[in-house]
């Protein structure tokens, strides 16, 4: 898929205000650079297998080379990119088989992080999850994949904070990124954004309720939907 695809800013002001309010500390330039590069990775502006210069990536996101370099080092450790000596940065490729391995690992970690968040989240954090669940579900009903991805990015980041287990959260983050990119590549073929949005909304509400058992069930439902989508692609020859 070629061409530049920008993720638009959602008009859902309530969501954005809540997301901003949930920031624990001001983001560093490295964190901003990582987030901006990650968005472009997911929406294929950084196409799988393409090769970039570090300076071009800095220009792309409008941030200096030093923060971008540090963000790229993190992305390399997450296997999102490969640093080619004296040749630049190569964006990782993907396959159905790779995605099935991602989902296998994600299933276990997603349940762990979600269940911990159900136990540990504070009252205002639970209110945030209820609020954002409505936005995720609405994006799915509208078929707005860009809004869905934006809400998904933010929700998963905050749930990881609410779980208060940085080790599990750090391991899970790149798996979400790989899954988001894979879904963006193929979602038009199955037209199931409504189902995907609803499953993630149900998970957010379950976490907010504090019901650990329900949270586990909803987490596995999210994984089931993603795995079924991927296996369908495998059966249909991609």
Protein backbone atom coordinates (compact mmCIF):
# COMPACT_ATOMS: atom_id res chain seq x y z
CA UNK A 1 0.00 0.00 0.00
CA UNK A 2 1.55 3.28 -1.08
CA UNK A 3 0.96 6.92 -0.35
CA UNK A 4 0.80 8.93 2.81
CA UNK A 5 -2.00 8.15 5.23
CA UNK A 6 -2.48 10.53 8.09
CA UNK A 7 -4.38 9.64 11.25
CA UNK A 8 -6.78 12.56 11.71
CA UNK A 9 -7.44 14.19 15.03
CA UNK A 10 -10.75 12.92 16.35
CA UNK A 11 -13.53 15.41 16.99
CA UNK A 12 -14.42 13.59 20.21
CA UNK A 13 -13.34 16.33 22.61
CA UNK A 14 -14.49 14.45 25.67
CA UNK A 15 -12.13 11.61 24.90
CA UNK A 16 -9.17 13.86 24.19
CA UNK A 17 -9.70 15.88 27.35
CA UNK A 18 -9.90 12.71 29.43
CA UNK A 19 -6.81 11.27 27.77
CA UNK A 20 -4.87 14.46 28.42
CA UNK A 21 -6.01 14.47 32.03
CA UNK A 22 -4.70 10.95 32.49
CA UNK A 23 -1.09 11.92 31.64
CA UNK A 24 1.05 11.15 34.68
CA UNK A 25 3.93 13.35 33.48
CA UNK A 26 4.76 15.53 30.56
CA UNK A 27 5.95 13.47 27.64
CA UNK A 28 9.56 13.74 26.62
CA UNK A 29 10.54 14.41 23.01
CA UNK A 30 11.66 10.79 22.79
CA UNK A 31 8.20 9.57 23.82
CA UNK A 32 6.53 11.92 21.35
CA UNK A 33 8.88 10.80 18.56
CA UNK A 34 8.20 7.16 19.37
CA UNK A 35 4.43 7.68 19.33
CA UNK A 36 4.51 9.58 16.04
CA UNK A 37 6.72 6.97 14.36
CA UNK A 38 4.55 4.19 15.76
CA UNK A 39 1.39 5.74 14.29
CA UNK A 40 3.02 5.90 10.87
CA UNK A 41 4.19 2.31 11.26
CA UNK A 42 0.63 1.16 11.95
CA UNK A 43 -0.98 3.13 9.09
CA UNK A 44 1.67 2.00 6.59
CA UNK A 45 3.16 5.42 5.89
CA UNK A 46 6.30 3.58 6.99
CA UNK A 47 5.65 0.67 4.65
CA UNK A 48 6.84 -2.85 5.55
CA UNK A 49 10.26 -3.50 4.08
CA UNK A 50 10.91 0.15 3.19
CA UNK A 51 14.26 1.71 4.05
CA UNK A 52 14.61 5.17 5.55
CA UNK A 53 17.36 7.51 6.63
CA UNK A 54 17.27 8.69 10.21
CA UNK A 55 17.26 12.31 9.00
CA UNK A 56 14.23 11.64 6.80
CA UNK A 57 12.32 10.16 9.75
CA UNK A 58 13.22 13.19 11.87
CA UNK A 59 11.85 15.45 9.13
CA UNK A 60 8.74 13.30 8.80
CA UNK A 61 7.72 13.74 12.44
CA UNK A 62 9.16 17.23 12.84
CA UNK A 63 11.39 16.34 15.80
CA UNK A 64 15.16 16.56 16.18
CA UNK A 65 17.45 13.69 15.25
CA UNK A 66 18.61 12.91 18.79
CA UNK A 67 15.11 12.12 20.19
CA UNK A 68 14.27 10.27 16.97
CA UNK A 69 17.44 8.20 17.26
CA UNK A 70 16.53 7.18 20.81
CA UNK A 71 12.97 6.34 19.73
CA UNK A 72 14.34 4.22 16.90
CA UNK A 73 16.59 2.34 19.32
CA UNK A 74 13.51 1.39 21.31
CA UNK A 75 11.67 0.36 18.15
CA UNK A 76 14.63 -1.78 17.16
CA UNK A 77 14.59 -3.55 20.52
CA UNK A 78 10.87 -4.24 19.93
CA UNK A 79 11.68 -5.63 16.46
CA UNK A 80 9.51 -3.01 14.76
CA UNK A 81 12.52 -1.91 12.71
CA UNK A 82 16.00 -3.14 11.85
CA UNK A 83 18.97 -0.80 11.88
CA UNK A 84 21.09 -1.52 8.81
CA UNK A 85 24.70 -0.51 9.31
CA UNK A 86 25.51 2.41 7.00
CA UNK A 87 22.30 1.73 5.03
CA UNK A 88 19.52 3.20 7.15
CA UNK A 89 16.43 1.92 8.92
CA UNK A 90 14.34 -0.94 7.52
CA UNK A 91 10.70 -1.23 8.58
CA UNK A 92 9.85 -4.78 9.65
CA UNK A 93 7.86 -6.97 7.31
CA UNK A 94 4.90 -9.07 8.36
CA UNK A 95 3.24 -12.39 7.60
CA UNK A 96 0.17 -14.28 8.77
CA UNK A 97 2.40 -16.81 10.52
CA UNK A 98 4.23 -14.04 12.37
CA UNK A 99 0.92 -12.48 13.39
CA UNK A 100 -0.35 -15.77 14.83
CA UNK A 101 2.77 -15.90 17.04
CA UNK A 102 2.14 -12.29 18.10
CA UNK A 103 -1.44 -13.16 19.04
CA UNK A 104 -0.37 -16.24 20.99
CA UNK A 105 1.88 -14.11 23.18
CA UNK A 106 -0.52 -11.19 23.33
CA UNK A 107 -3.35 -13.41 24.60
CA UNK A 108 -1.47 -14.25 27.78
CA UNK A 109 -0.09 -10.77 28.44
CA UNK A 110 -3.32 -8.95 27.59
CA UNK A 111 -5.22 -11.04 30.13
CA UNK A 112 -2.55 -10.44 32.78
CA UNK A 113 -2.46 -6.66 32.30
CA UNK A 114 -6.24 -6.32 32.02
CA UNK A 115 -6.92 -8.37 35.16
CA UNK A 116 -4.35 -6.40 37.15
CA UNK A 117 -5.95 -3.16 35.95
CA UNK A 118 -9.37 -4.45 37.06
CA UNK A 119 -7.93 -4.95 40.55
CA UNK A 120 -5.74 -1.85 40.74
CA UNK A 121 -7.47 0.99 38.88
CA UNK A 122 -8.56 4.00 40.90
CA UNK A 123 -12.07 5.43 40.72
CA UNK A 124 -11.26 8.21 38.26
CA UNK A 125 -9.39 5.70 36.11
CA UNK A 126 -12.45 3.47 36.02
CA UNK A 127 -14.59 6.42 34.95
CA UNK A 128 -12.16 7.12 32.14
CA UNK A 129 -12.44 3.53 30.89
CA UNK A 130 -16.22 3.68 30.82
CA UNK A 131 -16.05 6.93 28.89
CA UNK A 132 -13.56 5.71 26.32
CA UNK A 133 -15.43 2.42 25.83
CA UNK A 134 -18.30 4.41 24.33
CA UNK A 135 -15.91 6.14 21.93
CA UNK A 136 -14.31 2.87 20.81
CA UNK A 137 -17.70 1.30 20.23
CA UNK A 138 -18.98 4.34 18.32
CA UNK A 139 -15.92 4.30 16.04
CA UNK A 140 -16.61 0.66 15.26
CA UNK A 141 -20.27 1.36 14.47
CA UNK A 142 -19.24 4.20 12.14
CA UNK A 143 -16.61 2.06 10.43
CA UNK A 144 -14.01 4.74 11.25
CA UNK A 145 -10.77 2.79 11.43
CA UNK A 146 -8.63 5.87 12.13
CA UNK A 147 -10.70 6.89 15.15
CA UNK A 148 -10.72 3.29 16.35
CA UNK A 149 -6.92 3.10 16.14
CA UNK A 150 -6.52 6.39 17.98
CA UNK A 151 -8.77 5.25 20.81
CA UNK A 152 -7.06 1.86 20.86
CA UNK A 153 -3.60 3.46 21.13
CA UNK A 154 -4.65 5.58 24.09
CA UNK A 155 -6.73 2.98 25.90
CA UNK A 156 -4.06 0.30 25.84
CA UNK A 157 -1.45 2.76 27.06
CA UNK A 158 -3.59 3.84 30.01
CA UNK A 159 -4.74 0.33 30.93
CA UNK A 160 -1.06 -0.60 31.15
CA UNK A 161 -0.55 2.28 33.59
CA UNK A 162 -3.59 1.30 35.62
CA UNK A 163 -2.26 -2.28 35.90
CA UNK A 164 0.87 -0.98 37.64
CA UNK A 165 3.11 -3.73 36.27
CA UNK A 166 5.60 -1.96 33.99
CA UNK A 167 7.34 -5.19 33.00
CA UNK A 168 4.22 -6.82 31.55
CA UNK A 169 3.12 -3.51 30.02
CA UNK A 170 6.48 -2.99 28.30
CA UNK A 171 6.33 -6.47 26.79
CA UNK A 172 2.76 -6.06 25.60
CA UNK A 173 3.11 -2.66 23.91
CA UNK A 174 4.92 -3.77 20.70
CA UNK A 175 2.53 -6.70 20.31
CA UNK A 176 -0.35 -4.24 20.16
CA UNK A 177 1.56 -2.22 17.56
CA UNK A 178 2.12 -5.26 15.35
CA UNK A 179 -1.54 -6.25 15.71
CA UNK A 180 -2.79 -2.76 14.87
CA UNK A 181 -0.67 -2.66 11.71
CA UNK A 182 -1.80 -6.12 10.64
CA UNK A 183 -5.44 -5.18 11.16
CA UNK A 184 -5.06 -1.92 9.25
CA UNK A 185 -3.53 -3.82 6.33
CA UNK A 186 -6.46 -6.21 6.03
CA UNK A 187 -9.57 -4.80 7.74
CA UNK A 188 -11.34 -3.90 4.49
CA UNK A 189 -11.46 -7.54 3.45
CA UNK A 190 -13.61 -8.62 6.37
CA UNK A 191 -15.52 -5.46 7.31
CA UNK A 192 -15.65 -6.47 10.98
CA UNK A 193 -14.69 -3.18 12.62
CA UNK A 194 -17.99 -3.10 14.47
CA UNK A 195 -17.26 -6.47 16.10
CA UNK A 196 -13.68 -5.47 16.88
CA UNK A 197 -14.74 -2.14 18.40
CA UNK A 198 -17.43 -3.79 20.51
CA UNK A 199 -15.05 -6.43 21.87
CA UNK A 200 -12.54 -3.79 22.98
CA UNK A 201 -15.30 -1.64 24.44
CA UNK A 202 -16.59 -4.61 26.45
CA UNK A 203 -13.07 -5.22 27.77
CA UNK A 204 -12.71 -1.59 28.88
CA UNK A 205 -16.06 -1.74 30.68
CA UNK A 206 -15.16 -5.03 32.36
CA UNK A 207 -11.90 -3.56 33.66
CA UNK A 208 -13.80 -0.52 34.92
CA UNK A 209 -16.26 -2.76 36.77
CA UNK A 210 -13.49 -4.41 38.77
CA UNK A 211 -14.88 -7.86 37.90
CA UNK A 212 -11.68 -9.83 37.36
CA UNK A 213 -13.39 -12.94 36.00
CA UNK A 214 -15.42 -10.95 33.50
CA UNK A 215 -12.29 -9.04 32.51
CA UNK A 216 -10.48 -12.31 31.79
CA UNK A 217 -13.38 -13.51 29.64
CA UNK A 218 -13.54 -10.24 27.71
CA UNK A 219 -9.79 -10.23 27.21
CA UNK A 220 -9.90 -13.70 25.69
CA UNK A 221 -12.82 -12.60 23.52
CA UNK A 222 -10.65 -9.81 22.10
CA UNK A 223 -7.95 -12.39 21.35
CA UNK A 224 -10.48 -14.79 19.83
CA UNK A 225 -11.74 -12.14 17.41
CA UNK A 226 -8.19 -11.22 16.35
CA UNK A 227 -7.17 -14.85 15.91
CA UNK A 228 -10.28 -15.72 13.89
CA UNK A 229 -9.63 -12.74 11.61
CA UNK A 230 -6.03 -13.87 11.06
CA UNK A 231 -6.86 -17.53 10.47
CA UNK A 232 -9.52 -16.52 7.95
CA UNK A 233 -6.82 -14.71 6.01
CA UNK A 234 -4.65 -17.82 6.13
CA UNK A 235 -7.46 -20.01 4.80
CA UNK A 236 -8.22 -17.55 2.03
CA UNK A 237 -4.60 -17.33 0.99
CA UNK A 238 -4.14 -13.73 2.19
